C-alpha cells in the first residue's frame, strides 16, 4: 500500500536551489518539488507547466505579460510555448506537475548560457 508523502519534510531537505526532486508519478505526470532562490533563466516548454507555491513567495515572469506572484497555496499554469522564468527574492518552495520528459531548461534554443 502506498504511503502518504510528507511535503514539509521534503521541502526541509532541499538544500540547493533549482534542483527539482521527483516526488511521485500520477497517471502520465511527475510531481516534483524544488527550492527556488534568485532568478532562473528565461525558457519555454512544449507543454504546460504547473507551479504550486508551498512555502515563501515567488514571481513567474512571463514574456509580454504581467508577472504572476504566487504566495503559499496559490497555483499557476504556464501555458505551453510561453517564455517565462521564476524569480524568488527569498527562498521559496514550489511543487511542479510536468510530464516526465519535460526538460528543466525548456526546449532547444532557450537553455542558459554555459
PDB file of N, CA and C in Angstrom:
ATOM      1  N   UNK A   1       0.844  -1.184   0.000  1.00  0.00           N
ATOM      2  CA  UNK A   1       0.000   0.000   0.000  1.00  0.00           C
ATOM      3  C   UNK A   1       0.884   1.239   0.000  1.00  0.00           C
ATOM      4  N   UNK A   2       0.636   2.200  -0.876  1.00  0.00           N
ATOM      5  CA  UNK A   2       1.438   3.437  -0.883  1.00  0.00           C
ATOM      6  C   UNK A   2       1.286   4.198   0.426  1.00  0.00           C
ATOM      7  N   UNK A   3       2.335   4.913   0.776  1.00  0.00           N
ATOM      8  CA  UNK A   3       2.340   5.725   1.989  1.00  0.00           C
ATOM      9  C   UNK A   3       2.126   7.190   1.634  1.00  0.00           C
ATOM     10  N   UNK A   4       1.536   7.980   2.537  1.00  0.00           N
ATOM     11  CA  UNK A   4       1.424   9.422   2.299  1.00  0.00           C
ATOM     12  C   UNK A   4       2.811  10.050   2.214  1.00  0.00           C
ATOM     13  N   UNK A   5       2.904  11.131   1.474  1.00  0.00           N
ATOM     14  CA  UNK A   5       4.182  11.835   1.287  1.00  0.00           C
ATOM     15  C   UNK A   5       4.162  13.104   2.113  1.00  0.00           C
ATOM     16  N   UNK A   6       5.189  13.285   2.921  1.00  0.00           N
ATOM     17  CA  UNK A   6       5.306  14.461   3.784  1.00  0.00           C
ATOM     18  C   UNK A   6       6.031  15.564   3.013  1.00  0.00           C
ATOM     19  N   UNK A   7       5.269  16.483   2.416  1.00  0.00           N
ATOM     20  CA  UNK A   7       5.874  17.555   1.622  1.00  0.00           C
ATOM     21  C   UNK A   7       6.678  18.523   2.474  1.00  0.00           C
ATOM     22  N   UNK A   8       6.275  18.739   3.727  1.00  0.00           N
ATOM     23  CA  UNK A   8       7.047  19.611   4.614  1.00  0.00           C
ATOM     24  C   UNK A   8       8.442  19.039   4.853  1.00  0.00           C
ATOM     25  N   UNK A   9       8.526  17.737   5.086  1.00  0.00           N
ATOM     26  CA  UNK A   9       9.826  17.100   5.306  1.00  0.00           C
ATOM     27  C   UNK A   9      10.673  17.160   4.038  1.00  0.00           C
ATOM     28  N   UNK A  10      10.046  16.922   2.890  1.00  0.00           N
ATOM     29  CA  UNK A  10      10.783  17.022   1.625  1.00  0.00           C
ATOM     30  C   UNK A  10      11.288  18.439   1.401  1.00  0.00           C
ATOM     31  N   UNK A  11      10.438  19.425   1.656  1.00  0.00           N
ATOM     32  CA  UNK A  11      10.826  20.832   1.476  1.00  0.00           C
ATOM     33  C   UNK A  11      12.003  21.180   2.385  1.00  0.00           C
ATOM     34  N   UNK A  12      11.973  20.704   3.614  1.00  0.00           N
ATOM     35  CA  UNK A  12      13.056  20.991   4.568  1.00  0.00           C
ATOM     36  C   UNK A  12      14.364  20.337   4.151  1.00  0.00           C
ATOM     37  N   UNK A  13      14.290  19.263   3.370  1.00  0.00           N
ATOM     38  CA  UNK A  13      15.506  18.556   2.956  1.00  0.00           C
ATOM     39  C   UNK A  13      16.172  19.175   1.734  1.00  0.00           C
ATOM     40  N   UNK A  14      15.503  20.095   1.057  1.00  0.00           N
ATOM     41  CA  UNK A  14      16.058  20.718  -0.146  1.00  0.00           C
ATOM     42  C   UNK A  14      17.140  21.723   0.253  1.00  0.00           C
ATOM     43  N   UNK A  15      18.349  21.508  -0.224  1.00  0.00           N
ATOM     44  CA  UNK A  15      19.450  22.406   0.147  1.00  0.00           C
ATOM     45  C   UNK A  15      19.921  23.274  -1.010  1.00  0.00           C
ATOM     46  N   UNK A  16      19.727  22.827  -2.243  1.00  0.00           N
ATOM     47  CA  UNK A  16      20.199  23.579  -3.400  1.00  0.00           C
ATOM     48  C   UNK A  16      19.024  24.113  -4.208  1.00  0.00           C
ATOM     49  N   UNK A  17      19.076  25.395  -4.572  1.00  0.00           N
ATOM     50  CA  UNK A  17      18.005  25.921  -5.412  1.00  0.00           C
ATOM     51  C   UNK A  17      18.084  25.370  -6.831  1.00  0.00           C
ATOM     52  N   UNK A  18      16.928  25.301  -7.454  1.00  0.00           N
ATOM     53  CA  UNK A  18      16.798  24.949  -8.867  1.00  0.00           C
ATOM     54  C   UNK A  18      17.207  23.507  -9.157  1.00  0.00           C
ATOM     55  N   UNK A  19      17.114  22.632  -8.168  1.00  0.00           N
ATOM     56  CA  UNK A  19      17.399  21.202  -8.342  1.00  0.00           C
ATOM     57  C   UNK A  19      16.138  20.410  -7.996  1.00  0.00           C
ATOM     58  N   UNK A  20      15.183  20.294  -8.916  1.00  0.00           N
ATOM     59  CA  UNK A  20      13.930  19.596  -8.608  1.00  0.00           C
ATOM     60  C   UNK A  20      14.160  18.142  -8.207  1.00  0.00           C
ATOM     61  N   UNK A  21      13.317  17.672  -7.301  1.00  0.00           N
ATOM     62  CA  UNK A  21      13.340  16.291  -6.842  1.00  0.00           C
ATOM     63  C   UNK A  21      12.009  15.667  -7.230  1.00  0.00           C
ATOM     64  N   UNK A  22      12.058  14.510  -7.879  1.00  0.00           N
ATOM     65  CA  UNK A  22      10.830  13.802  -8.224  1.00  0.00           C
ATOM     66  C   UNK A  22      10.205  13.226  -6.956  1.00  0.00           C
ATOM     67  N   UNK A  23       8.913  13.478  -6.767  1.00  0.00           N
ATOM     68  CA  UNK A  23       8.198  13.026  -5.582  1.00  0.00           C
ATOM     69  C   UNK A  23       7.436  11.744  -5.883  1.00  0.00           C
ATOM     70  N   UNK A  24       6.680  11.749  -6.978  1.00  0.00           N
ATOM     71  CA  UNK A  24       5.888  10.587  -7.349  1.00  0.00           C
ATOM     72  C   UNK A  24       5.369  10.756  -8.772  1.00  0.00           C
ATOM     73  N   UNK A  25       4.794   9.688  -9.283  1.00  0.00           N
ATOM     74  CA  UNK A  25       4.124   9.724 -10.579  1.00  0.00           C
ATOM     75  C   UNK A  25       2.625   9.642 -10.350  1.00  0.00           C
ATOM     76  N   UNK A  26       1.867  10.367 -11.164  1.00  0.00           N
ATOM     77  CA  UNK A  26       0.411  10.307 -11.126  1.00  0.00           C
ATOM     78  C   UNK A  26      -0.074  10.272 -12.567  1.00  0.00           C
ATOM     79  N   UNK A  27      -0.619   9.141 -12.963  1.00  0.00           N
ATOM     80  CA  UNK A  27      -1.024   8.928 -14.345  1.00  0.00           C
ATOM     81  C   UNK A  27       0.180   9.152 -15.262  1.00  0.00           C
ATOM     82  N   UNK A  28       0.140  10.123 -16.129  1.00  0.00           N
ATOM     83  CA  UNK A  28       1.258  10.358 -17.039  1.00  0.00           C
ATOM     84  C   UNK A  28       2.041  11.606 -16.667  1.00  0.00           C
ATOM     85  N   UNK A  29       1.987  12.003 -15.403  1.00  0.00           N
ATOM     86  CA  UNK A  29       2.684  13.210 -14.951  1.00  0.00           C
ATOM     87  C   UNK A  29       3.602  12.872 -13.780  1.00  0.00           C
ATOM     88  N   UNK A  30       4.632  13.694 -13.631  1.00  0.00           N
ATOM     89  CA  UNK A  30       5.520  13.563 -12.483  1.00  0.00           C
ATOM     90  C   UNK A  30       5.305  14.774 -11.584  1.00  0.00           C
ATOM     91  N   UNK A  31       5.243  14.513 -10.291  1.00  0.00           N
ATOM     92  CA  UNK A  31       5.149  15.577  -9.299  1.00  0.00           C
ATOM     93  C   UNK A  31       6.569  15.811  -8.804  1.00  0.00           C
ATOM     94  N   UNK A  32       7.003  17.074  -8.877  1.00  0.00           N
ATOM     95  CA  UNK A  32       8.349  17.443  -8.453  1.00  0.00           C
ATOM     96  C   UNK A  32       8.254  18.544  -7.405  1.00  0.00           C
ATOM     97  N   UNK A  33       9.290  18.651  -6.578  1.00  0.00           N
ATOM     98  CA  UNK A  33       9.373  19.722  -5.599  1.00  0.00           C
ATOM     99  C   UNK A  33      10.745  20.370  -5.767  1.00  0.00           C
ATOM    100  N   UNK A  34      10.798  21.687  -5.630  1.00  0.00           N
ATOM    101  CA  UNK A  34      12.068  22.389  -5.841  1.00  0.00           C
ATOM    102  C   UNK A  34      12.152  23.614  -4.936  1.00  0.00           C
ATOM    103  N   UNK A  35      13.363  23.888  -4.517  1.00  0.00           N
ATOM    104  CA  UNK A  35      13.662  25.126  -3.786  1.00  0.00           C
ATOM    105  C   UNK A  35      13.996  26.189  -4.840  1.00  0.00           C
ATOM    106  N   UNK A  36      13.438  27.372  -4.695  1.00  0.00           N
ATOM    107  CA  UNK A  36      13.695  28.470  -5.608  1.00  0.00           C
ATOM    108  C   UNK A  36      14.420  29.572  -4.843  1.00  0.00           C
ATOM    109  N   UNK A  37      15.415  30.145  -5.491  1.00  0.00           N
ATOM    110  CA  UNK A  37      16.141  31.261  -4.882  1.00  0.00           C
ATOM    111  C   UNK A  37      16.894  31.995  -5.979  1.00  0.00           C
ATOM    112  N   UNK A  38      16.619  33.282  -6.145  1.00  0.00           N
ATOM    113  CA  UNK A  38      17.242  34.063  -7.207  1.00  0.00           C
ATOM    114  C   UNK A  38      16.421  34.001  -8.477  1.00  0.00           C
ATOM    115  N   UNK A  39      17.108  34.165  -9.609  1.00  0.00           N
ATOM    116  CA  UNK A  39      16.441  34.195 -10.910  1.00  0.00           C
ATOM    117  C   UNK A  39      16.817  32.967 -11.725  1.00  0.00           C
ATOM    118  N   UNK A  40      15.829  32.291 -12.261  1.00  0.00           N
ATOM    119  CA  UNK A  40      16.060  31.174 -13.164  1.00  0.00           C
ATOM    120  C   UNK A  40      16.131  31.739 -14.580  1.00  0.00           C
ATOM    121  N   UNK A  41      16.869  31.119 -15.496  1.00  0.00           N
ATOM    122  CA  UNK A  41      16.945  31.640 -16.869  1.00  0.00           C
ATOM    123  C   UNK A  41      15.584  31.615 -17.582  1.00  0.00           C
ATOM    124  N   UNK A  42      15.410  32.556 -18.499  1.00  0.00           N
ATOM    125  CA  UNK A  42      14.231  32.556 -19.355  1.00  0.00           C
ATOM    126  C   UNK A  42      14.223  31.265 -20.166  1.00  0.00           C
ATOM    127  N   UNK A  43      13.055  30.648 -20.315  1.00  0.00           N
ATOM    128  CA  UNK A  43      12.936  29.405 -21.072  1.00  0.00           C
ATOM    129  C   UNK A  43      11.466  29.175 -21.412  1.00  0.00           C
ATOM    130  N   UNK A  44      11.205  28.156 -22.203  1.00  0.00           N
ATOM    131  CA  UNK A  44       9.830  27.760 -22.516  1.00  0.00           C
ATOM    132  C   UNK A  44       9.784  26.257 -22.706  1.00  0.00           C
ATOM    133  N   UNK A  45       8.605  25.711 -22.575  1.00  0.00           N
ATOM    134  CA  UNK A  45       8.397  24.269 -22.717  1.00  0.00           C
ATOM    135  C   UNK A  45       7.365  24.008 -23.803  1.00  0.00           C
ATOM    136  N   UNK A  46       7.436  22.826 -24.378  1.00  0.00           N
ATOM    137  CA  UNK A  46       6.467  22.422 -25.399  1.00  0.00           C
ATOM    138  C   UNK A  46       5.147  21.982 -24.763  1.00  0.00           C
ATOM    139  N   UNK A  47       5.102  21.929 -23.438  1.00  0.00           N
ATOM    140  CA  UNK A  47       3.902  21.521 -22.717  1.00  0.00           C
ATOM    141  C   UNK A  47       3.632  22.496 -21.566  1.00  0.00           C
ATOM    142  N   UNK A  48       2.423  22.439 -21.013  1.00  0.00           N
ATOM    143  CA  UNK A  48       2.083  23.273 -19.862  1.00  0.00           C
ATOM    144  C   UNK A  48       2.992  22.921 -18.681  1.00  0.00           C
ATOM    145  N   UNK A  49       3.177  23.896 -17.775  1.00  0.00           N
ATOM    146  CA  UNK A  49       3.952  23.662 -16.556  1.00  0.00           C
ATOM    147  C   UNK A  49       3.182  24.240 -15.376  1.00  0.00           C
ATOM    148  N   UNK A  50       2.832  23.379 -14.419  1.00  0.00           N
ATOM    149  CA  UNK A  50       2.064  23.792 -13.259  1.00  0.00           C
ATOM    150  C   UNK A  50       2.992  24.097 -12.090  1.00  0.00           C
ATOM    151  N   UNK A  51       2.812  25.261 -11.471  1.00  0.00           N
ATOM    152  CA  UNK A  51       3.539  25.665 -10.269  1.00  0.00           C
ATOM    153  C   UNK A  51       2.536  25.824  -9.127  1.00  0.00           C
ATOM    154  N   UNK A  52       2.815  25.222  -7.984  1.00  0.00           N
ATOM    155  CA  UNK A  52       2.042  25.423  -6.765  1.00  0.00           C
ATOM    156  C   UNK A  52       3.021  25.880  -5.691  1.00  0.00           C
ATOM    157  N   UNK A  53       2.835  27.077  -5.168  1.00  0.00           N
ATOM    158  CA  UNK A  53       3.725  27.594  -4.131  1.00  0.00           C
ATOM    159  C   UNK A  53       3.404  26.889  -2.813  1.00  0.00           C
ATOM    160  N   UNK A  54       4.419  26.256  -2.235  1.00  0.00           N
ATOM    161  CA  UNK A  54       4.246  25.596  -0.942  1.00  0.00           C
ATOM    162  C   UNK A  54       4.715  26.480   0.202  1.00  0.00           C
ATOM    163  N   UNK A  55       5.877  27.116   0.027  1.00  0.00           N
ATOM    164  CA  UNK A  55       6.471  27.954   1.073  1.00  0.00           C
ATOM    165  C   UNK A  55       7.049  29.215   0.456  1.00  0.00           C
ATOM    166  N   UNK A  56       6.982  30.312   1.181  1.00  0.00           N
ATOM    167  CA  UNK A  56       7.575  31.555   0.707  1.00  0.00           C
ATOM    168  C   UNK A  56       6.709  32.224  -0.336  1.00  0.00           C
ATOM    169  N   UNK A  57       7.373  32.967  -1.192  1.00  0.00           N
ATOM    170  CA  UNK A  57       6.698  33.711  -2.262  1.00  0.00           C
ATOM    171  C   UNK A  57       7.658  33.778  -3.442  1.00  0.00           C
ATOM    172  N   UNK A  58       7.119  33.650  -4.639  1.00  0.00           N
ATOM    173  CA  UNK A  58       7.931  33.842  -5.828  1.00  0.00           C
ATOM    174  C   UNK A  58       7.071  34.411  -6.942  1.00  0.00           C
ATOM    175  N   UNK A  59       7.750  34.905  -7.952  1.00  0.00           N
ATOM    176  CA  UNK A  59       7.092  35.521  -9.100  1.00  0.00           C
ATOM    177  C   UNK A  59       7.427  34.693 -10.336  1.00  0.00           C
ATOM    178  N   UNK A  60       6.463  34.533 -11.201  1.00  0.00           N
ATOM    179  CA  UNK A  60       6.725  33.941 -12.512  1.00  0.00           C
ATOM    180  C   UNK A  60       6.609  35.083 -13.512  1.00  0.00           C
ATOM    181  N   UNK A  61       7.753  35.453 -14.081  1.00  0.00           N
ATOM    182  CA  UNK A  61       7.767  36.486 -15.108  1.00  0.00           C
ATOM    183  C   UNK A  61       7.413  35.833 -16.434  1.00  0.00           C
ATOM    184  N   UNK A  62       6.556  36.494 -17.194  1.00  0.00           N
ATOM    185  CA  UNK A  62       6.056  35.967 -18.465  1.00  0.00           C
ATOM    186  C   UNK A  62       6.374  36.960 -19.573  1.00  0.00           C
ATOM    187  N   UNK A  63       6.973  36.467 -20.634  1.00  0.00           N
ATOM    188  CA  UNK A  63       7.322  37.345 -21.750  1.00  0.00           C
ATOM    189  C   UNK A  63       6.057  37.984 -22.332  1.00  0.00           C
ATOM    190  N   UNK A  64       6.046  39.324 -22.336  1.00  0.00           N
ATOM    191  CA  UNK A  64       4.938  40.061 -22.925  1.00  0.00           C
ATOM    192  C   UNK A  64       3.677  40.121 -22.077  1.00  0.00           C
ATOM    193  N   UNK A  65       3.728  39.611 -20.857  1.00  0.00           N
ATOM    194  CA  UNK A  65       2.557  39.599 -19.972  1.00  0.00           C
ATOM    195  C   UNK A  65       2.947  40.128 -18.597  1.00  0.00           C
ATOM    196  N   UNK A  66       1.963  40.449 -17.792  1.00  0.00           N
ATOM    197  CA  UNK A  66       2.216  40.872 -16.411  1.00  0.00           C
ATOM    198  C   UNK A  66       2.746  39.689 -15.607  1.00  0.00           C
ATOM    199  N   UNK A  67       3.678  39.939 -14.690  1.00  0.00           N
ATOM    200  CA  UNK A  67       4.181  38.840 -13.857  1.00  0.00           C
ATOM    201  C   UNK A  67       3.091  38.316 -12.924  1.00  0.00           C
ATOM    202  N   UNK A  68       3.244  37.067 -12.519  1.00  0.00           N
ATOM    203  CA  UNK A  68       2.299  36.413 -11.619  1.00  0.00           C
ATOM    204  C   UNK A  68       3.012  36.145 -10.302  1.00  0.00           C
ATOM    205  N   UNK A  69       2.451  36.628  -9.202  1.00  0.00           N
ATOM    206  CA  UNK A  69       3.027  36.389  -7.883  1.00  0.00           C
ATOM    207  C   UNK A  69       2.298  35.230  -7.217  1.00  0.00           C
ATOM    208  N   UNK A  70       3.080  34.280  -6.715  1.00  0.00           N
ATOM    209  CA  UNK A  70       2.497  33.132  -6.029  1.00  0.00           C
ATOM    210  C   UNK A  70       2.904  33.137  -4.563  1.00  0.00           C
ATOM    211  N   UNK A  71       1.919  33.193  -3.697  1.00  0.00           N
ATOM    212  CA  UNK A  71       2.074  33.009  -2.262  1.00  0.00           C
ATOM    213  C   UNK A  71       1.697  31.565  -1.949  1.00  0.00           C
ATOM    214  N   UNK A  72       1.936  31.099  -0.714  1.00  0.00           N
ATOM    215  CA  UNK A  72       1.582  29.714  -0.389  1.00  0.00           C
ATOM    216  C   UNK A  72       0.136  29.368  -0.738  1.00  0.00           C
ATOM    217  N   UNK A  73      -0.007  28.190  -1.314  1.00  0.00           N
ATOM    218  CA  UNK A  73      -1.295  27.609  -1.698  1.00  0.00           C
ATOM    219  C   UNK A  73      -1.904  28.264  -2.937  1.00  0.00           C
ATOM    220  N   UNK A  74      -1.109  29.058  -3.660  1.00  0.00           N
ATOM    221  CA  UNK A  74      -1.555  29.639  -4.932  1.00  0.00           C
ATOM    222  C   UNK A  74      -0.923  28.826  -6.052  1.00  0.00           C
ATOM    223  N   UNK A  75      -1.677  28.632  -7.096  1.00  0.00           N
ATOM    224  CA  UNK A  75      -1.267  27.767  -8.204  1.00  0.00           C
ATOM    225  C   UNK A  75      -1.379  28.543  -9.501  1.00  0.00           C
ATOM    226  N   UNK A  76      -0.449  28.264 -10.432  1.00  0.00           N
ATOM    227  CA  UNK A  76      -0.491  28.890 -11.740  1.00  0.00           C
ATOM    228  C   UNK A  76       0.042  27.909 -12.771  1.00  0.00           C
ATOM    229  N   UNK A  77      -0.588  27.879 -13.929  1.00  0.00           N
ATOM    230  CA  UNK A  77      -0.137  27.034 -15.037  1.00  0.00           C
ATOM    231  C   UNK A  77       0.413  27.942 -16.129  1.00  0.00           C
ATOM    232  N   UNK A  78       1.689  27.748 -16.460  1.00  0.00           N
ATOM    233  CA  UNK A  78       2.298  28.454 -17.580  1.00  0.00           C
ATOM    234  C   UNK A  78       1.906  27.681 -18.842  1.00  0.00           C
ATOM    235  N   UNK A  79       1.217  28.328 -19.778  1.00  0.00           N
ATOM    236  CA  UNK A  79       0.799  27.622 -20.988  1.00  0.00           C
ATOM    237  C   UNK A  79       1.991  27.157 -21.836  1.00  0.00           C
ATOM    238  N   UNK A  80       1.807  26.074 -22.527  1.00  0.00           N
ATOM    239  CA  UNK A  80       2.828  25.538 -23.424  1.00  0.00           C
ATOM    240  C   UNK A  80       3.306  26.620 -24.378  1.00  0.00           C
ATOM    241  N   UNK A  81       4.618  26.695 -24.569  1.00  0.00           N
ATOM    242  CA  UNK A  81       5.205  27.626 -25.520  1.00  0.00           C
ATOM    243  C   UNK A  81       5.437  29.028 -24.996  1.00  0.00           C
ATOM    244  N   UNK A  82       4.958  29.348 -23.786  1.00  0.00           N
ATOM    245  CA  UNK A  82       5.133  30.703 -23.241  1.00  0.00           C
ATOM    246  C   UNK A  82       6.509  30.832 -22.571  1.00  0.00           C
ATOM    247  N   UNK A  83       7.293  31.816 -22.991  1.00  0.00           N
ATOM    248  CA  UNK A  83       8.600  32.057 -22.397  1.00  0.00           C
ATOM    249  C   UNK A  83       8.397  32.679 -21.014  1.00  0.00           C
ATOM    250  N   UNK A  84       9.099  32.113 -20.020  1.00  0.00           N
ATOM    251  CA  UNK A  84       8.895  32.525 -18.639  1.00  0.00           C
ATOM    252  C   UNK A  84      10.151  32.270 -17.814  1.00  0.00           C
ATOM    253  N   UNK A  85      10.150  32.807 -16.602  1.00  0.00           N
ATOM    254  CA  UNK A  85      11.199  32.470 -15.639  1.00  0.00           C
ATOM    255  C   UNK A  85      10.668  32.726 -14.237  1.00  0.00           C
ATOM    256  N   UNK A  86      10.920  31.777 -13.328  1.00  0.00           N
ATOM    257  CA  UNK A  86      10.593  32.001 -11.928  1.00  0.00           C
ATOM    258  C   UNK A  86      11.679  32.863 -11.273  1.00  0.00           C
ATOM    259  N   UNK A  87      11.250  33.731 -10.365  1.00  0.00           N
ATOM    260  CA  UNK A  87      12.169  34.600  -9.625  1.00  0.00           C
ATOM    261  C   UNK A  87      11.745  34.566  -8.164  1.00  0.00           C
ATOM    262  N   UNK A  88      12.694  34.244  -7.270  1.00  0.00           N
ATOM    263  CA  UNK A  88      12.417  34.221  -5.832  1.00  0.00           C
ATOM    264  C   UNK A  88      13.449  35.098  -5.133  1.00  0.00           C
ATOM    265  N   UNK A  89      13.017  36.230  -4.628  1.00  0.00           N
ATOM    266  CA  UNK A  89      13.926  37.149  -3.923  1.00  0.00           C
ATOM    267  C   UNK A  89      14.377  36.560  -2.594  1.00  0.00           C
ATOM    268  N   UNK A  90      13.547  35.747  -1.990  1.00  0.00           N
ATOM    269  CA  UNK A  90      13.858  35.000  -0.771  1.00  0.00           C
ATOM    270  C   UNK A  90      13.605  33.526  -1.080  1.00  0.00           C
ATOM    271  N   UNK A  91      14.211  32.606  -0.347  1.00  0.00           N
ATOM    272  CA  UNK A  91      13.970  31.184  -0.625  1.00  0.00           C
ATOM    273  C   UNK A  91      12.473  30.845  -0.591  1.00  0.00           C
ATOM    274  N   UNK A  92      12.071  30.033  -1.538  1.00  0.00           N
ATOM    275  CA  UNK A  92      10.688  29.564  -1.636  1.00  0.00           C
ATOM    276  C   UNK A  92      10.719  28.104  -2.085  1.00  0.00           C
ATOM    277  N   UNK A  93       9.595  27.436  -1.952  1.00  0.00           N
ATOM    278  CA  UNK A  93       9.489  26.039  -2.397  1.00  0.00           C
ATOM    279  C   UNK A  93       8.240  25.913  -3.251  1.00  0.00           C
ATOM    280  N   UNK A  94       8.395  25.230  -4.383  1.00  0.00           N
ATOM    281  CA  UNK A  94       7.277  25.004  -5.281  1.00  0.00           C
ATOM    282  C   UNK A  94       7.092  23.520  -5.549  1.00  0.00           C
ATOM    283  N   UNK A  95       5.860  23.158  -5.820  1.00  0.00           N
ATOM    284  CA  UNK A  95       5.533  21.838  -6.322  1.00  0.00           C
ATOM    285  C   UNK A  95       5.245  22.015  -7.806  1.00  0.00           C
ATOM    286  N   UNK A  96       5.809  21.158  -8.626  1.00  0.00           N
ATOM    287  CA  UNK A  96       5.638  21.220 -10.081  1.00  0.00           C
ATOM    288  C   UNK A  96       4.911  19.964 -10.552  1.00  0.00           C
ATOM    289  N   UNK A  97       4.069  20.114 -11.542  1.00  0.00           N
ATOM    290  CA  UNK A  97       3.430  18.980 -12.184  1.00  0.00           C
ATOM    291  C   UNK A  97       3.785  19.066 -13.659  1.00  0.00           C
ATOM    292  N   UNK A  98       4.488  18.047 -14.134  1.00  0.00           N
ATOM    293  CA  UNK A  98       5.016  18.064 -15.505  1.00  0.00           C
ATOM    294  C   UNK A  98       4.994  16.660 -16.087  1.00  0.00           C
ATOM    295  N   UNK A  99       5.230  16.577 -17.362  1.00  0.00           N
ATOM    296  CA  UNK A  99       5.486  15.285 -17.989  1.00  0.00           C
ATOM    297  C   UNK A  99       6.882  14.833 -17.580  1.00  0.00           C
ATOM    298  N   UNK A 100       7.117  13.539 -17.455  1.00  0.00           N
ATOM    299  CA  UNK A 100       8.453  13.072 -17.055  1.00  0.00           C
ATOM    300  C   UNK A 100       9.572  13.525 -17.996  1.00  0.00           C
ATOM    301  N   UNK A 101       9.270  13.716 -19.273  1.00  0.00           N
ATOM    302  CA  UNK A 101      10.309  14.096 -20.239  1.00  0.00           C
ATOM    303  C   UNK A 101      10.549  15.605 -20.300  1.00  0.00           C
ATOM    304  N   UNK A 102       9.812  16.394 -19.519  1.00  0.00           N
ATOM    305  CA  UNK A 102       9.988  17.847 -19.543  1.00  0.00           C
ATOM    306  C   UNK A 102      11.399  18.220 -19.108  1.00  0.00           C
ATOM    307  N   UNK A 103      12.077  19.011 -19.943  1.00  0.00           N
ATOM    308  CA  UNK A 103      13.433  19.452 -19.645  1.00  0.00           C
ATOM    309  C   UNK A 103      13.386  20.685 -18.762  1.00  0.00           C
ATOM    310  N   UNK A 104      14.213  20.709 -17.730  1.00  0.00           N
ATOM    311  CA  UNK A 104      14.191  21.813 -16.769  1.00  0.00           C
ATOM    312  C   UNK A 104      14.419  23.166 -17.431  1.00  0.00           C
ATOM    313  N   UNK A 105      15.336  23.212 -18.395  1.00  0.00           N
ATOM    314  CA  UNK A 105      15.660  24.485 -19.039  1.00  0.00           C
ATOM    315  C   UNK A 105      14.880  24.712 -20.323  1.00  0.00           C
ATOM    316  N   UNK A 106      13.851  23.928 -20.550  1.00  0.00           N
ATOM    317  CA  UNK A 106      12.992  24.148 -21.702  1.00  0.00           C
ATOM    318  C   UNK A 106      13.512  23.532 -22.982  1.00  0.00           C
ATOM    319  N   UNK A 107      12.826  23.891 -24.058  1.00  0.00           N
ATOM    320  CA  UNK A 107      13.153  23.319 -25.355  1.00  0.00           C
ATOM    321  C   UNK A 107      14.391  23.991 -25.953  1.00  0.00           C
ATOM    322  N   UNK A 108      14.964  23.353 -26.925  1.00  0.00           N
ATOM    323  CA  UNK A 108      16.205  23.812 -27.554  1.00  0.00           C
ATOM    324  C   UNK A 108      16.118  25.291 -27.935  1.00  0.00           C
ATOM    325  N   UNK A 109      17.213  25.986 -27.731  1.00  0.00           N
ATOM    326  CA  UNK A 109      17.262  27.395 -28.058  1.00  0.00           C
ATOM    327  C   UNK A 109      16.978  28.302 -26.866  1.00  0.00           C
ATOM    328  N   UNK A 110      16.580  27.714 -25.739  1.00  0.00           N
ATOM    329  CA  UNK A 110      16.267  28.506 -24.564  1.00  0.00           C
ATOM    330  C   UNK A 110      17.021  28.000 -23.328  1.00  0.00           C
ATOM    331  N   UNK A 111      18.093  27.289 -23.536  1.00  0.00           N
ATOM    332  CA  UNK A 111      18.913  26.828 -22.408  1.00  0.00           C
ATOM    333  C   UNK A 111      19.785  27.992 -21.929  1.00  0.00           C
ATOM    334  N   UNK A 112      20.191  27.967 -20.661  1.00  0.00           N
ATOM    335  CA  UNK A 112      21.040  29.045 -20.153  1.00  0.00           C
ATOM    336  C   UNK A 112      22.421  29.032 -20.800  1.00  0.00           C
ATOM    337  N   UNK A 113      23.053  30.166 -20.832  1.00  0.00           N
ATOM    338  CA  UNK A 113      24.434  30.237 -21.351  1.00  0.00           C
ATOM    339  C   UNK A 113      25.361  29.449 -20.429  1.00  0.00           C
ATOM    340  N   UNK A 114      26.394  28.799 -20.970  1.00  0.00           N
ATOM    341  CA  UNK A 114      27.302  27.995 -20.124  1.00  0.00           C
ATOM    342  C   UNK A 114      28.079  28.861 -19.144  1.00  0.00           C
TER     343      UNK A 114
END
